[in-house]
Amino acid sequence: MNVLFVCLGNICRSPMAESMFRQLVASANLSNQIQVDSAGTTDYEAGNPPYPGARRTMEQHGLPTAGLVARPITQRDFAWADYIICMDQMNLTALRRMAPAGDQHKIHLANEVVAGHENEEIPDPWYTHRFEDTYRSLSRALPQWLDRIKGQL
């Protein structure tokens, strides 16, 4: 199973989600069954590491940051991914415009699995500088994504 996390620039929310989800997958002994990656809907930050505030928050929570490099989503990503999980409505709209018709069903909003929060966005800390809020929002959603995906293995 292949899971791709997506935000705008791939320097805050999606690399944080990638690292968090990899850790969840590893803790569940599923690394050989679930592959994880991240990308952005734009190439604004291509080649850059996670934003310093995101990197600090990740490191404070024991999440690895090595090897995380921003990149834009490609058509190969749509073919590769079984789940494309994005952080907000703007990127959801962008992904739906980019995705081939046969891959539309793969695109999801991160909080759609969280009862009572289905339409909420994962806050963008690039604007708010509240990286811990983003971490907490992802901490609520990602275990539920893992449960959903485990049920399909």
N, C-alpha and C. Protein backbone atom coordinates (compact mmCIF):
# COMPACT_ATOMS: atom_id res chain seq x y z
N MET A 1 0.87 -1.17 0.00
CA MET A 1 0.00 0.00 0.00
C MET A 1 0.91 1.23 0.00
N ASN A 2 0.60 2.20 -0.83
CA ASN A 2 1.41 3.41 -0.96
C ASN A 2 0.59 4.64 -0.57
N VAL A 3 1.15 5.44 0.34
CA VAL A 3 0.47 6.61 0.88
C VAL A 3 1.30 7.85 0.59
N LEU A 4 0.67 8.85 -0.01
CA LEU A 4 1.33 10.12 -0.33
C LEU A 4 0.63 11.25 0.39
N PHE A 5 1.39 12.03 1.16
CA PHE A 5 0.86 13.20 1.84
C PHE A 5 1.20 14.43 1.02
N VAL A 6 0.23 15.36 0.90
CA VAL A 6 0.41 16.51 0.03
C VAL A 6 -0.04 17.80 0.70
N CYS A 7 0.80 18.83 0.57
CA CYS A 7 0.43 20.20 0.93
C CYS A 7 0.91 21.11 -0.19
N LEU A 8 0.97 22.40 0.04
CA LEU A 8 1.32 23.34 -1.02
C LEU A 8 2.79 23.23 -1.44
N GLY A 9 3.71 23.45 -0.51
CA GLY A 9 5.12 23.51 -0.87
C GLY A 9 5.94 22.31 -0.48
N ASN A 10 5.37 21.41 0.35
CA ASN A 10 6.05 20.21 0.81
C ASN A 10 7.23 20.54 1.73
N ILE A 11 7.04 21.60 2.57
CA ILE A 11 8.09 21.93 3.54
C ILE A 11 7.59 21.97 4.98
N CYS A 12 6.29 21.88 5.20
CA CYS A 12 5.76 21.92 6.58
C CYS A 12 4.86 20.73 6.85
N ARG A 13 3.62 20.82 6.42
CA ARG A 13 2.62 19.82 6.80
C ARG A 13 2.88 18.44 6.20
N SER A 14 3.12 18.36 4.90
CA SER A 14 3.25 17.02 4.31
C SER A 14 4.53 16.30 4.74
N PRO A 15 5.70 16.97 4.87
CA PRO A 15 6.83 16.20 5.39
C PRO A 15 6.64 15.80 6.85
N MET A 16 5.95 16.65 7.63
CA MET A 16 5.66 16.29 9.01
C MET A 16 4.76 15.05 9.02
N ALA A 17 3.74 15.04 8.18
CA ALA A 17 2.85 13.89 8.10
C ALA A 17 3.60 12.66 7.62
N GLU A 18 4.47 12.83 6.63
CA GLU A 18 5.25 11.69 6.13
C GLU A 18 6.07 11.07 7.26
N SER A 19 6.81 11.88 7.99
CA SER A 19 7.66 11.37 9.06
C SER A 19 6.83 10.74 10.18
N MET A 20 5.74 11.39 10.56
CA MET A 20 4.88 10.85 11.61
C MET A 20 4.27 9.52 11.19
N PHE A 21 3.81 9.45 9.94
CA PHE A 21 3.14 8.24 9.48
C PHE A 21 4.14 7.10 9.33
N ARG A 22 5.34 7.40 8.86
CA ARG A 22 6.38 6.37 8.79
C ARG A 22 6.63 5.77 10.17
N GLN A 23 6.67 6.64 11.18
CA GLN A 23 6.90 6.17 12.54
C GLN A 23 5.74 5.28 13.01
N LEU A 24 4.51 5.68 12.71
CA LEU A 24 3.35 4.85 13.06
C LEU A 24 3.40 3.50 12.36
N VAL A 25 3.74 3.53 11.08
CA VAL A 25 3.82 2.30 10.28
C VAL A 25 4.91 1.39 10.85
N ALA A 26 6.06 1.96 11.17
CA ALA A 26 7.16 1.16 11.73
C ALA A 26 6.77 0.57 13.08
N SER A 27 6.10 1.36 13.92
CA SER A 27 5.67 0.88 15.24
C SER A 27 4.67 -0.27 15.13
N ALA A 28 3.92 -0.28 14.03
CA ALA A 28 2.95 -1.35 13.80
C ALA A 28 3.56 -2.53 13.03
N ASN A 29 4.89 -2.46 12.81
CA ASN A 29 5.61 -3.51 12.06
C ASN A 29 5.02 -3.73 10.67
N LEU A 30 4.69 -2.61 10.01
CA LEU A 30 4.10 -2.69 8.68
C LEU A 30 4.94 -2.01 7.59
N SER A 31 6.19 -1.70 7.91
CA SER A 31 7.04 -0.99 6.95
C SER A 31 7.25 -1.76 5.65
N ASN A 32 7.13 -3.07 5.70
CA ASN A 32 7.28 -3.86 4.47
C ASN A 32 5.99 -3.90 3.66
N GLN A 33 4.90 -3.38 4.22
CA GLN A 33 3.61 -3.41 3.52
C GLN A 33 3.08 -2.02 3.15
N ILE A 34 3.56 -0.99 3.84
CA ILE A 34 3.08 0.37 3.60
C ILE A 34 4.27 1.28 3.32
N GLN A 35 4.27 1.88 2.14
CA GLN A 35 5.30 2.85 1.74
C GLN A 35 4.72 4.25 1.89
N VAL A 36 5.55 5.21 2.30
CA VAL A 36 5.08 6.56 2.59
C VAL A 36 5.98 7.58 1.89
N ASP A 37 5.36 8.63 1.35
CA ASP A 37 6.11 9.71 0.71
C ASP A 37 5.29 10.99 0.87
N SER A 38 5.86 12.10 0.41
CA SER A 38 5.13 13.37 0.42
C SER A 38 5.54 14.21 -0.78
N ALA A 39 4.68 15.18 -1.10
CA ALA A 39 4.92 16.07 -2.24
C ALA A 39 4.10 17.34 -2.04
N GLY A 40 4.34 18.31 -2.90
CA GLY A 40 3.59 19.55 -2.88
C GLY A 40 2.81 19.72 -4.17
N THR A 41 1.79 20.54 -4.13
CA THR A 41 1.03 20.82 -5.35
C THR A 41 1.74 21.86 -6.21
N THR A 42 2.80 22.46 -5.68
CA THR A 42 3.59 23.44 -6.44
C THR A 42 5.07 23.06 -6.37
N ASP A 43 5.86 23.72 -7.18
CA ASP A 43 7.31 23.50 -7.14
C ASP A 43 8.03 24.66 -6.45
N TYR A 44 7.29 25.49 -5.71
CA TYR A 44 7.85 26.68 -5.06
C TYR A 44 9.07 26.36 -4.20
N GLU A 45 9.05 25.25 -3.51
CA GLU A 45 10.10 24.92 -2.54
C GLU A 45 10.94 23.72 -2.96
N ALA A 46 10.82 23.30 -4.21
CA ALA A 46 11.51 22.10 -4.68
C ALA A 46 12.99 22.12 -4.31
N GLY A 47 13.44 21.02 -3.73
CA GLY A 47 14.84 20.87 -3.34
C GLY A 47 15.16 21.32 -1.93
N ASN A 48 14.20 21.98 -1.27
CA ASN A 48 14.44 22.49 0.07
C ASN A 48 14.10 21.45 1.14
N PRO A 49 14.80 21.52 2.28
CA PRO A 49 14.45 20.65 3.42
C PRO A 49 13.20 21.21 4.10
N PRO A 50 12.67 20.51 5.08
CA PRO A 50 11.52 21.05 5.82
C PRO A 50 11.85 22.44 6.40
N TYR A 51 10.83 23.27 6.46
CA TYR A 51 10.94 24.61 7.01
C TYR A 51 11.50 24.52 8.44
N PRO A 52 12.35 25.46 8.86
CA PRO A 52 12.99 25.35 10.18
C PRO A 52 12.02 25.10 11.34
N GLY A 53 10.89 25.78 11.36
CA GLY A 53 9.93 25.56 12.45
C GLY A 53 9.35 24.16 12.42
N ALA A 54 9.07 23.65 11.23
CA ALA A 54 8.57 22.28 11.11
C ALA A 54 9.64 21.29 11.54
N ARG A 55 10.87 21.54 11.11
CA ARG A 55 11.98 20.66 11.47
C ARG A 55 12.18 20.63 12.99
N ARG A 56 12.14 21.79 13.62
CA ARG A 56 12.30 21.84 15.08
C ARG A 56 11.20 21.05 15.79
N THR A 57 9.97 21.25 15.37
CA THR A 57 8.84 20.53 15.98
C THR A 57 8.99 19.04 15.78
N MET A 58 9.36 18.63 14.59
CA MET A 58 9.55 17.21 14.33
C MET A 58 10.65 16.64 15.22
N GLU A 59 11.76 17.34 15.32
CA GLU A 59 12.87 16.87 16.15
C GLU A 59 12.48 16.81 17.63
N GLN A 60 11.68 17.79 18.10
CA GLN A 60 11.22 17.78 19.49
C GLN A 60 10.37 16.56 19.80
N HIS A 61 9.72 16.02 18.77
CA HIS A 61 8.87 14.84 18.95
C HIS A 61 9.56 13.56 18.51
N GLY A 62 10.87 13.64 18.28
CA GLY A 62 11.63 12.45 17.93
C GLY A 62 11.37 11.93 16.53
N LEU A 63 10.94 12.81 15.64
CA LEU A 63 10.66 12.40 14.27
C LEU A 63 11.87 12.68 13.38
N PRO A 64 12.27 11.71 12.56
CA PRO A 64 13.41 11.94 11.68
C PRO A 64 13.08 12.95 10.58
N THR A 65 14.09 13.76 10.25
CA THR A 65 13.93 14.75 9.17
C THR A 65 14.92 14.49 8.03
N ALA A 66 15.88 13.63 8.26
CA ALA A 66 16.89 13.35 7.23
C ALA A 66 16.21 12.78 5.99
N GLY A 67 16.64 13.26 4.85
CA GLY A 67 16.12 12.75 3.58
C GLY A 67 14.83 13.38 3.12
N LEU A 68 14.24 14.24 3.92
CA LEU A 68 13.01 14.92 3.51
C LEU A 68 13.38 16.13 2.65
N VAL A 69 13.02 16.09 1.39
CA VAL A 69 13.33 17.16 0.45
C VAL A 69 12.07 17.48 -0.34
N ALA A 70 11.72 18.75 -0.38
CA ALA A 70 10.49 19.17 -1.06
C ALA A 70 10.56 18.87 -2.55
N ARG A 71 9.40 18.44 -3.06
CA ARG A 71 9.27 18.18 -4.49
C ARG A 71 7.81 18.33 -4.88
N PRO A 72 7.56 18.65 -6.14
CA PRO A 72 6.16 18.72 -6.59
C PRO A 72 5.63 17.34 -6.94
N ILE A 73 4.33 17.19 -6.82
CA ILE A 73 3.68 15.94 -7.22
C ILE A 73 3.82 15.75 -8.73
N THR A 74 3.91 14.50 -9.14
CA THR A 74 4.04 14.17 -10.55
C THR A 74 2.93 13.21 -10.96
N GLN A 75 2.79 13.00 -12.23
CA GLN A 75 1.81 12.03 -12.72
C GLN A 75 2.17 10.62 -12.25
N ARG A 76 3.45 10.35 -12.08
CA ARG A 76 3.86 9.03 -11.56
C ARG A 76 3.35 8.83 -10.14
N ASP A 77 3.27 9.92 -9.35
CA ASP A 77 2.74 9.81 -7.99
C ASP A 77 1.28 9.37 -7.99
N PHE A 78 0.51 9.90 -8.93
CA PHE A 78 -0.90 9.51 -8.99
C PHE A 78 -1.03 8.02 -9.29
N ALA A 79 -0.17 7.50 -10.15
CA ALA A 79 -0.20 6.07 -10.47
C ALA A 79 0.30 5.24 -9.29
N TRP A 80 1.34 5.72 -8.58
CA TRP A 80 1.97 4.98 -7.49
C TRP A 80 1.07 4.89 -6.26
N ALA A 81 0.46 5.99 -5.89
CA ALA A 81 -0.25 6.09 -4.61
C ALA A 81 -1.58 5.34 -4.61
N ASP A 82 -1.85 4.70 -3.48
CA ASP A 82 -3.18 4.14 -3.24
C ASP A 82 -4.03 5.17 -2.50
N TYR A 83 -3.36 5.98 -1.68
CA TYR A 83 -4.01 7.08 -0.95
C TYR A 83 -3.19 8.34 -1.15
N ILE A 84 -3.86 9.42 -1.50
CA ILE A 84 -3.25 10.74 -1.59
C ILE A 84 -4.00 11.60 -0.57
N ILE A 85 -3.32 11.91 0.52
CA ILE A 85 -3.96 12.58 1.65
C ILE A 85 -3.44 14.00 1.71
N CYS A 86 -4.36 14.96 1.52
CA CYS A 86 -3.93 16.37 1.49
C CYS A 86 -4.44 17.11 2.71
N MET A 87 -3.88 18.30 2.90
CA MET A 87 -4.04 19.01 4.15
C MET A 87 -5.17 20.05 4.17
N ASP A 88 -5.60 20.52 3.00
CA ASP A 88 -6.60 21.58 3.00
C ASP A 88 -7.40 21.58 1.69
N GLN A 89 -8.45 22.39 1.69
CA GLN A 89 -9.35 22.46 0.53
C GLN A 89 -8.66 22.98 -0.72
N MET A 90 -7.76 23.96 -0.57
CA MET A 90 -7.07 24.52 -1.73
C MET A 90 -6.26 23.43 -2.44
N ASN A 91 -5.54 22.63 -1.67
CA ASN A 91 -4.74 21.57 -2.28
C ASN A 91 -5.60 20.41 -2.75
N LEU A 92 -6.73 20.18 -2.09
CA LEU A 92 -7.67 19.17 -2.55
C LEU A 92 -8.18 19.54 -3.95
N THR A 93 -8.55 20.79 -4.13
CA THR A 93 -9.01 21.27 -5.43
C THR A 93 -7.92 21.15 -6.47
N ALA A 94 -6.70 21.56 -6.11
CA ALA A 94 -5.58 21.48 -7.05
C ALA A 94 -5.31 20.03 -7.45
N LEU A 95 -5.32 19.12 -6.49
CA LEU A 95 -5.08 17.71 -6.79
C LEU A 95 -6.16 17.15 -7.71
N ARG A 96 -7.39 17.52 -7.46
CA ARG A 96 -8.49 17.02 -8.32
C ARG A 96 -8.36 17.53 -9.75
N ARG A 97 -7.81 18.73 -9.92
CA ARG A 97 -7.57 19.25 -11.26
C ARG A 97 -6.42 18.50 -11.95
N MET A 98 -5.41 18.13 -11.19
CA MET A 98 -4.21 17.48 -11.74
C MET A 98 -4.38 15.99 -12.00
N ALA A 99 -5.17 15.34 -11.18
CA ALA A 99 -5.24 13.87 -11.21
C ALA A 99 -5.97 13.35 -12.43
N PRO A 100 -5.47 12.26 -12.98
CA PRO A 100 -6.22 11.57 -14.03
C PRO A 100 -7.58 11.11 -13.49
N ALA A 101 -8.54 11.00 -14.36
CA ALA A 101 -9.91 10.63 -13.94
C ALA A 101 -9.92 9.33 -13.14
N GLY A 102 -9.10 8.37 -13.51
CA GLY A 102 -9.08 7.08 -12.83
C GLY A 102 -8.45 7.11 -11.45
N ASP A 103 -7.83 8.22 -11.09
CA ASP A 103 -7.16 8.33 -9.79
C ASP A 103 -7.86 9.28 -8.83
N GLN A 104 -8.98 9.85 -9.22
CA GLN A 104 -9.70 10.80 -8.36
C GLN A 104 -10.09 10.20 -7.02
N HIS A 105 -10.45 8.92 -7.02
CA HIS A 105 -10.90 8.26 -5.78
C HIS A 105 -9.80 8.14 -4.73
N LYS A 106 -8.56 8.33 -5.11
CA LYS A 106 -7.43 8.20 -4.20
C LYS A 106 -7.23 9.44 -3.32
N ILE A 107 -7.83 10.56 -3.71
CA ILE A 107 -7.57 11.85 -3.08
C ILE A 107 -8.50 12.06 -1.89
N HIS A 108 -7.90 12.40 -0.74
CA HIS A 108 -8.66 12.56 0.49
C HIS A 108 -8.16 13.76 1.28
N LEU A 109 -9.04 14.34 2.06
CA LEU A 109 -8.68 15.39 3.01
C LEU A 109 -8.23 14.70 4.30
N ALA A 110 -7.15 15.15 4.89
CA ALA A 110 -6.55 14.47 6.04
C ALA A 110 -7.53 14.21 7.18
N ASN A 111 -8.40 15.16 7.47
CA ASN A 111 -9.30 15.02 8.61
C ASN A 111 -10.61 14.29 8.29
N GLU A 112 -10.77 13.83 7.08
CA GLU A 112 -12.05 13.18 6.75
C GLU A 112 -12.29 11.92 7.56
N VAL A 113 -11.27 11.37 8.18
CA VAL A 113 -11.43 10.16 9.00
C VAL A 113 -11.68 10.48 10.47
N VAL A 114 -11.68 11.77 10.83
CA VAL A 114 -11.82 12.18 12.22
C VAL A 114 -13.26 12.64 12.46
N ALA A 115 -14.01 11.85 13.20
CA ALA A 115 -15.42 12.17 13.45
C ALA A 115 -15.56 13.57 14.07
N GLY A 116 -16.45 14.35 13.50
CA GLY A 116 -16.69 15.70 13.97
C GLY A 116 -15.73 16.73 13.41
N HIS A 117 -14.72 16.29 12.67
CA HIS A 117 -13.71 17.20 12.10
C HIS A 117 -13.50 16.95 10.61
N GLU A 118 -14.41 16.23 9.99
CA GLU A 118 -14.23 15.74 8.62
C GLU A 118 -13.83 16.80 7.61
N ASN A 119 -14.36 17.99 7.73
CA ASN A 119 -14.07 19.05 6.74
C ASN A 119 -13.04 20.06 7.21
N GLU A 120 -12.47 19.83 8.39
CA GLU A 120 -11.46 20.75 8.91
C GLU A 120 -10.14 20.57 8.17
N GLU A 121 -9.43 21.66 8.02
CA GLU A 121 -8.12 21.63 7.39
C GLU A 121 -7.04 21.44 8.45
N ILE A 122 -5.93 20.88 8.04
CA ILE A 122 -4.74 20.84 8.89
C ILE A 122 -4.13 22.24 8.79
N PRO A 123 -3.97 22.95 9.92
CA PRO A 123 -3.50 24.33 9.85
C PRO A 123 -2.10 24.45 9.23
N ASP A 124 -1.93 25.46 8.40
CA ASP A 124 -0.65 25.69 7.72
C ASP A 124 0.26 26.54 8.60
N PRO A 125 1.28 25.94 9.20
CA PRO A 125 2.14 26.70 10.12
C PRO A 125 3.08 27.67 9.41
N TRP A 126 3.20 27.57 8.11
CA TRP A 126 4.04 28.53 7.39
C TRP A 126 3.48 29.93 7.59
N TYR A 127 2.15 30.01 7.66
CA TYR A 127 1.48 31.30 7.87
C TYR A 127 1.34 31.63 9.36
N THR A 128 0.97 30.62 10.16
CA THR A 128 0.65 30.88 11.57
C THR A 128 1.85 30.77 12.51
N HIS A 129 2.87 30.03 12.08
CA HIS A 129 4.04 29.72 12.91
C HIS A 129 3.66 28.91 14.16
N ARG A 130 2.51 28.27 14.10
CA ARG A 130 2.04 27.42 15.22
C ARG A 130 2.22 25.95 14.81
N PHE A 131 3.48 25.54 14.77
CA PHE A 131 3.83 24.21 14.28
C PHE A 131 3.30 23.11 15.20
N GLU A 132 3.21 23.39 16.48
CA GLU A 132 2.69 22.39 17.41
C GLU A 132 1.20 22.12 17.14
N ASP A 133 0.44 23.14 16.72
CA ASP A 133 -0.97 22.94 16.36
C ASP A 133 -1.08 21.96 15.19
N THR A 134 -0.20 22.13 14.22
CA THR A 134 -0.18 21.23 13.06
C THR A 134 0.16 19.82 13.51
N TYR A 135 1.16 19.70 14.35
CA TYR A 135 1.54 18.38 14.87
C TYR A 135 0.35 17.72 15.59
N ARG A 136 -0.33 18.46 16.43
CA ARG A 136 -1.48 17.90 17.17
C ARG A 136 -2.60 17.48 16.22
N SER A 137 -2.88 18.29 15.22
CA SER A 137 -3.92 17.93 14.25
C SER A 137 -3.57 16.65 13.52
N LEU A 138 -2.32 16.54 13.11
CA LEU A 138 -1.88 15.32 12.42
C LEU A 138 -1.89 14.13 13.37
N SER A 139 -1.54 14.35 14.62
CA SER A 139 -1.54 13.27 15.62
C SER A 139 -2.93 12.69 15.83
N ARG A 140 -3.94 13.50 15.62
CA ARG A 140 -5.33 13.04 15.77
C ARG A 140 -5.76 12.25 14.53
N ALA A 141 -5.34 12.67 13.35
CA ALA A 141 -5.82 12.06 12.11
C ALA A 141 -5.01 10.83 11.67
N LEU A 142 -3.71 10.88 11.80
CA LEU A 142 -2.88 9.83 11.20
C LEU A 142 -3.10 8.43 11.77
N PRO A 143 -3.28 8.27 13.08
CA PRO A 143 -3.57 6.91 13.56
C PRO A 143 -4.86 6.34 12.96
N GLN A 144 -5.82 7.20 12.68
CA GLN A 144 -7.06 6.73 12.08
C GLN A 144 -6.85 6.32 10.62
N TRP A 145 -5.96 7.04 9.93
CA TRP A 145 -5.61 6.62 8.57
C TRP A 145 -4.92 5.27 8.60
N LEU A 146 -4.04 5.08 9.56
CA LEU A 146 -3.35 3.79 9.65
C LEU A 146 -4.36 2.67 9.90
N ASP A 147 -5.32 2.90 10.77
CA ASP A 147 -6.36 1.88 11.03
C ASP A 147 -7.12 1.55 9.75
N ARG A 148 -7.48 2.58 9.00
CA ARG A 148 -8.23 2.36 7.74
C ARG A 148 -7.39 1.54 6.77
N ILE A 149 -6.13 1.91 6.63
CA ILE A 149 -5.26 1.24 5.67
C ILE A 149 -4.94 -0.19 6.11
N LYS A 150 -4.73 -0.39 7.40
CA LYS A 150 -4.48 -1.74 7.91
C LYS A 150 -5.63 -2.68 7.57
N GLY A 151 -6.82 -2.15 7.58
CA GLY A 151 -7.99 -2.95 7.26
C GLY A 151 -8.05 -3.39 5.80
N GLN A 152 -7.19 -2.81 4.98
CA GLN A 152 -7.17 -3.15 3.55
C GLN A 152 -5.95 -3.98 3.15
N LEU A 153 -5.10 -4.27 4.11
CA LEU A 153 -3.90 -5.04 3.79
C LEU A 153 -4.22 -6.52 3.64
